[in-house]
Amino acid sequence: MTLLAVVGAVSRALSGDPNQPLLLLSIPVVVYFVRGQLYARQRVNGVRITEAQFPEAHRMVAEAAESFGMRRVPEAYIVLGNGTINAFASGHGFRRYVAIHSDLFEVGGRLGDPDALRFVIGHEVGHIAAGHTSFWRQFAISIAQVIPGVGSTLGRAQEYTADNHAYEFCPEGVQGVRVLAAGKYLYPAVDFDDIAARAHTDTGFFVLLVNLLSSHPVNTFRFAALADRSTPGRVL
């Protein structure tokens, strides 16, 4: 929704719309209201992670914030996943928060892999620590999306940065990213190193195109960056 609104406003401005100044000035307002609505959605529909409710996860969030030198511990929520494996970080005003889909949260609870959940939390809190959830950063990313490939490339760079934070926070949880490739039930049987090695064998124009258009690094590139910490992740 944010992207469509921003693209529409910029497109009309560049086409010579007489209300160009108003259109451009409206973009920060659109981003502000979308961020506020997203935050409100987590608050009214999500399950708040607190010291009393899911205390182990709350401790992970607090420890990640402390590890990254953050002055405030971000809020954290569990939101209904309906099979979706995802988590994200965002903010509104001075508030910052992490939201984890229930299907991904289960990996660290019922499925008994707390290190994997710790890595996920480190990744999302890492986004906040790196400034990726600030209003102006998200505003700039929205503007960059107007240029094909530019916004998505910035997004992939941010994902690698968040992965670096997660690895620093919980290197033993890196195997948990296998859940992105095979889901919460099959991932323990997945060979992490095999996927990482395919970054060097499964190549070609269309592989690069898929990566270029993706907001996140493709799995082979991402796994390779996590497997070999001596080289930066590949954004292109």
Protein backbone atom coordinates (compact mmCIF):
# COMPACT_ATOMS: atom_id res chain seq x y z
CA MET A 1 0.00 0.00 0.00
CA THR A 2 2.79 2.42 0.90
CA LEU A 3 4.69 1.59 -2.27
CA LEU A 4 1.66 2.03 -4.54
CA ALA A 5 0.79 5.39 -3.01
CA VAL A 6 4.36 6.66 -3.27
CA VAL A 7 4.82 5.43 -6.83
CA GLY A 8 1.55 7.04 -7.87
CA ALA A 9 2.43 10.38 -6.32
CA VAL A 10 5.94 10.46 -7.78
CA SER A 11 4.70 9.37 -11.21
CA ARG A 12 2.10 12.13 -11.34
CA ALA A 13 4.65 14.67 -10.13
CA LEU A 14 7.16 13.71 -12.81
CA SER A 15 4.49 13.80 -15.51
CA GLY A 16 3.96 17.50 -14.93
CA ASP A 17 0.93 17.44 -12.67
CA PRO A 18 0.16 21.07 -11.67
CA ASN A 19 -0.18 19.93 -8.07
CA GLN A 20 3.35 18.52 -8.10
CA PRO A 21 4.57 20.27 -4.90
CA LEU A 22 1.53 19.07 -2.95
CA LEU A 23 1.95 15.55 -4.28
CA LEU A 24 5.58 15.37 -3.22
CA LEU A 25 4.81 16.84 0.18
CA SER A 26 2.06 14.28 0.68
CA ILE A 27 4.43 11.30 0.42
CA PRO A 28 5.83 11.61 3.98
CA VAL A 29 2.26 11.94 5.26
CA VAL A 30 1.25 8.73 3.47
CA VAL A 31 4.24 6.87 4.90
CA TYR A 32 3.46 8.20 8.39
CA PHE A 33 -0.15 7.02 8.32
CA VAL A 34 0.69 3.62 6.86
CA ARG A 35 3.32 3.07 9.56
CA GLY A 36 0.83 4.11 12.22
CA GLN A 37 -1.83 1.78 10.86
CA LEU A 38 0.61 -1.14 10.71
CA TYR A 39 1.68 -0.56 14.30
CA ALA A 40 -1.93 -0.33 15.47
CA ARG A 41 -2.72 -3.60 13.70
CA GLN A 42 -0.07 -5.45 15.70
CA ARG A 43 -1.27 -3.90 18.96
CA VAL A 44 -4.93 -4.83 18.52
CA ASN A 45 -4.55 -8.20 16.79
CA GLY A 46 -1.20 -9.55 17.97
CA VAL A 47 -0.14 -11.28 21.17
CA ARG A 48 2.25 -9.11 23.16
CA ILE A 49 5.47 -10.81 24.25
CA THR A 50 6.17 -9.79 27.84
CA GLU A 51 7.97 -11.00 30.95
CA ALA A 52 4.75 -12.76 31.96
CA GLN A 53 3.73 -14.04 28.52
CA PHE A 54 6.38 -15.96 26.57
CA PRO A 55 9.10 -14.84 29.00
CA GLU A 56 11.89 -16.73 27.20
CA ALA A 57 11.20 -14.88 23.96
CA HIS A 58 10.97 -11.60 25.85
CA ARG A 59 14.37 -12.29 27.37
CA MET A 60 15.79 -12.92 23.88
CA VAL A 61 14.49 -9.55 22.67
CA ALA A 62 15.95 -7.77 25.70
CA GLU A 63 19.30 -9.52 25.34
CA ALA A 64 19.48 -8.69 21.64
CA ALA A 65 18.77 -5.02 22.37
CA GLU A 66 21.46 -4.98 25.04
CA SER A 67 23.94 -6.77 22.78
CA PHE A 68 23.44 -4.14 20.07
CA GLY A 69 23.76 -1.23 22.49
CA MET A 70 20.15 -0.08 22.21
CA ARG A 71 18.77 2.20 24.89
CA ARG A 72 15.25 0.80 24.68
CA VAL A 73 13.96 -2.73 24.36
CA PRO A 74 11.59 -2.84 21.38
CA GLU A 75 8.08 -4.17 21.76
CA ALA A 76 7.49 -7.65 20.38
CA TYR A 77 4.34 -9.34 19.11
CA ILE A 78 3.24 -12.71 17.82
CA VAL A 79 0.82 -12.39 14.91
CA LEU A 80 -1.27 -15.10 13.28
CA GLY A 81 0.74 -16.67 10.48
CA ASN A 82 -1.76 -19.02 8.82
CA GLY A 83 1.17 -20.99 7.43
CA THR A 84 3.31 -17.99 6.51
CA ILE A 85 6.91 -18.08 7.71
CA ASN A 86 7.83 -14.46 8.30
CA ALA A 87 8.86 -11.82 10.79
CA PHE A 88 9.43 -8.10 10.45
CA ALA A 89 10.47 -5.00 12.33
CA SER A 90 9.06 -1.51 12.00
CA GLY A 91 8.19 1.54 14.03
CA HIS A 92 5.93 4.50 14.50
CA GLY A 93 6.99 7.74 16.12
CA PHE A 94 9.62 6.87 18.71
CA ARG A 95 8.31 3.32 19.13
CA ARG A 96 10.02 0.32 17.60
CA TYR A 97 8.67 -3.20 17.49
CA VAL A 98 9.19 -6.71 16.19
CA ALA A 99 6.39 -8.94 14.89
CA ILE A 100 6.85 -12.68 14.43
CA HIS A 101 4.33 -14.86 12.64
CA SER A 102 3.03 -17.66 14.81
CA ASP A 103 4.24 -20.41 12.46
CA LEU A 104 7.80 -19.11 12.71
CA PHE A 105 7.54 -18.55 16.46
CA GLU A 106 6.58 -22.22 16.89
CA VAL A 107 10.05 -23.20 15.69
CA GLY A 108 11.52 -21.95 18.95
CA GLY A 109 8.70 -23.25 21.12
CA ARG A 110 6.71 -26.36 20.32
CA LEU A 111 9.27 -27.56 17.77
CA GLY A 112 12.12 -27.16 20.25
CA ASP A 113 14.71 -25.02 18.45
CA PRO A 114 15.21 -21.95 20.66
CA ASP A 115 18.48 -21.03 18.92
CA ALA A 116 16.60 -20.65 15.64
CA LEU A 117 14.11 -18.30 17.29
CA ARG A 118 16.97 -16.43 18.92
CA PHE A 119 18.55 -15.92 15.49
CA VAL A 120 15.24 -14.64 14.07
CA ILE A 121 14.85 -12.21 16.96
CA GLY A 122 18.46 -11.10 16.56
CA HIS A 123 17.79 -10.44 12.89
CA GLU A 124 14.69 -8.33 13.50
CA VAL A 125 16.13 -6.40 16.43
CA GLY A 126 19.20 -5.95 14.23
CA HIS A 127 17.03 -4.11 11.71
CA ILE A 128 16.04 -1.69 14.45
CA ALA A 129 19.60 -1.30 15.75
CA ALA A 130 20.84 -0.55 12.22
CA GLY A 131 18.25 2.19 11.75
CA HIS A 132 16.26 0.36 9.09
CA THR A 133 12.94 1.04 10.81
CA SER A 134 13.29 4.81 11.08
CA PHE A 135 10.69 6.94 9.35
CA TRP A 136 13.13 8.60 6.96
CA ARG A 137 14.87 5.34 6.07
CA GLN A 138 11.58 3.69 5.15
CA PHE A 139 10.51 6.84 3.33
CA ALA A 140 13.73 6.78 1.28
CA ILE A 141 13.29 3.09 0.47
CA SER A 142 9.74 3.79 -0.70
CA ILE A 143 11.01 6.52 -3.03
CA ALA A 144 13.79 4.26 -4.30
CA GLN A 145 11.22 1.62 -5.25
CA VAL A 146 10.16 3.91 -8.10
CA ILE A 147 13.42 3.04 -9.89
CA PRO A 148 13.34 -0.65 -10.89
CA GLY A 149 15.94 -2.64 -9.01
CA VAL A 150 17.18 0.19 -6.79
CA GLY A 151 14.75 -0.15 -3.90
CA SER A 152 14.98 -3.94 -3.89
CA THR A 153 18.79 -3.77 -3.91
CA LEU A 154 18.75 -1.50 -0.87
CA GLY A 155 16.34 -3.92 0.77
CA ARG A 156 18.67 -6.87 0.17
CA ALA A 157 21.61 -4.93 1.60
CA GLN A 158 19.57 -4.27 4.74
CA GLU A 159 18.76 -7.97 5.05
CA TYR A 160 22.44 -8.88 4.96
CA THR A 161 23.11 -6.26 7.64
CA ALA A 162 20.37 -7.71 9.83
CA ASP A 163 21.80 -11.20 9.27
CA ASN A 164 25.18 -9.91 10.44
CA HIS A 165 23.56 -8.69 13.65
CA ALA A 166 21.79 -12.02 14.11
CA TYR A 167 25.00 -13.98 13.56
CA GLU A 168 26.84 -11.82 16.06
CA PHE A 169 24.04 -12.34 18.58
CA CYS A 170 23.48 -16.08 18.09
CA PRO A 171 25.84 -17.81 15.63
CA GLU A 172 24.63 -21.23 16.77
CA GLY A 173 21.16 -20.37 15.47
CA VAL A 174 22.23 -19.84 11.87
CA GLN A 175 20.97 -23.29 10.87
CA GLY A 176 17.50 -22.03 11.66
CA VAL A 177 17.36 -20.09 8.40
CA ARG A 178 16.72 -23.45 6.73
CA VAL A 179 13.10 -22.90 7.71
CA LEU A 180 12.94 -20.29 4.93
CA ALA A 181 13.70 -22.99 2.39
CA ALA A 182 11.60 -25.92 3.59
CA GLY A 183 9.16 -24.76 6.26
CA LYS A 184 8.93 -25.43 9.97
CA TYR A 185 8.55 -29.21 9.79
CA LEU A 186 11.03 -30.22 7.09
CA TYR A 187 13.87 -27.79 7.76
CA PRO A 188 15.77 -30.02 10.25
CA ALA A 189 16.38 -32.47 7.38
CA VAL A 190 17.73 -29.79 5.02
CA ASP A 191 21.46 -29.66 4.25
CA PHE A 192 22.48 -26.05 4.93
CA ASP A 193 25.86 -26.40 3.22
CA ASP A 194 24.30 -27.85 0.07
CA ILE A 195 22.12 -24.77 -0.40
CA ALA A 196 25.08 -22.49 0.31
CA ALA A 197 27.26 -24.32 -2.24
CA ARG A 198 24.61 -23.92 -4.94
CA ALA A 199 25.25 -20.17 -4.91
CA HIS A 200 28.33 -20.99 -7.00
CA THR A 201 26.73 -23.58 -9.29
CA ASP A 202 23.13 -22.43 -9.79
CA THR A 203 23.84 -19.21 -11.65
CA GLY A 204 22.82 -17.49 -14.86
CA PHE A 205 20.84 -14.55 -16.15
CA PHE A 206 17.47 -15.53 -14.73
CA VAL A 207 18.93 -16.36 -11.32
CA LEU A 208 20.41 -12.87 -11.20
CA LEU A 209 17.12 -11.39 -12.41
CA VAL A 210 15.13 -13.15 -9.68
CA ASN A 211 17.59 -11.87 -7.09
CA LEU A 212 17.53 -8.34 -8.54
CA LEU A 213 13.76 -8.11 -8.27
CA SER A 214 13.59 -9.62 -4.79
CA SER A 215 13.41 -7.54 -1.62
CA HIS A 216 15.40 -10.27 0.17
CA PRO A 217 18.50 -12.13 -1.02
CA VAL A 218 17.64 -15.42 -2.70
CA ASN A 219 18.24 -18.37 -0.41
CA THR A 220 21.38 -19.64 -2.13
CA PHE A 221 23.11 -16.25 -1.89
CA ARG A 222 21.93 -15.72 1.66
CA PHE A 223 23.01 -19.13 2.88
CA ALA A 224 26.40 -18.68 1.19
CA ALA A 225 26.94 -15.37 3.00
CA LEU A 226 26.10 -16.98 6.33
CA ALA A 227 28.30 -20.00 5.63
CA ASP A 228 31.35 -17.96 4.62
CA ARG A 229 31.75 -15.05 7.00
CA SER A 230 34.89 -13.82 5.23
CA THR A 231 32.97 -12.33 2.29
CA PRO A 232 30.02 -9.93 2.20
CA GLY A 233 26.62 -11.03 0.95
CA ARG A 234 25.93 -10.69 -2.74
CA VAL A 235 23.33 -8.02 -3.51
CA LEU A 236 23.56 -8.28 -7.32
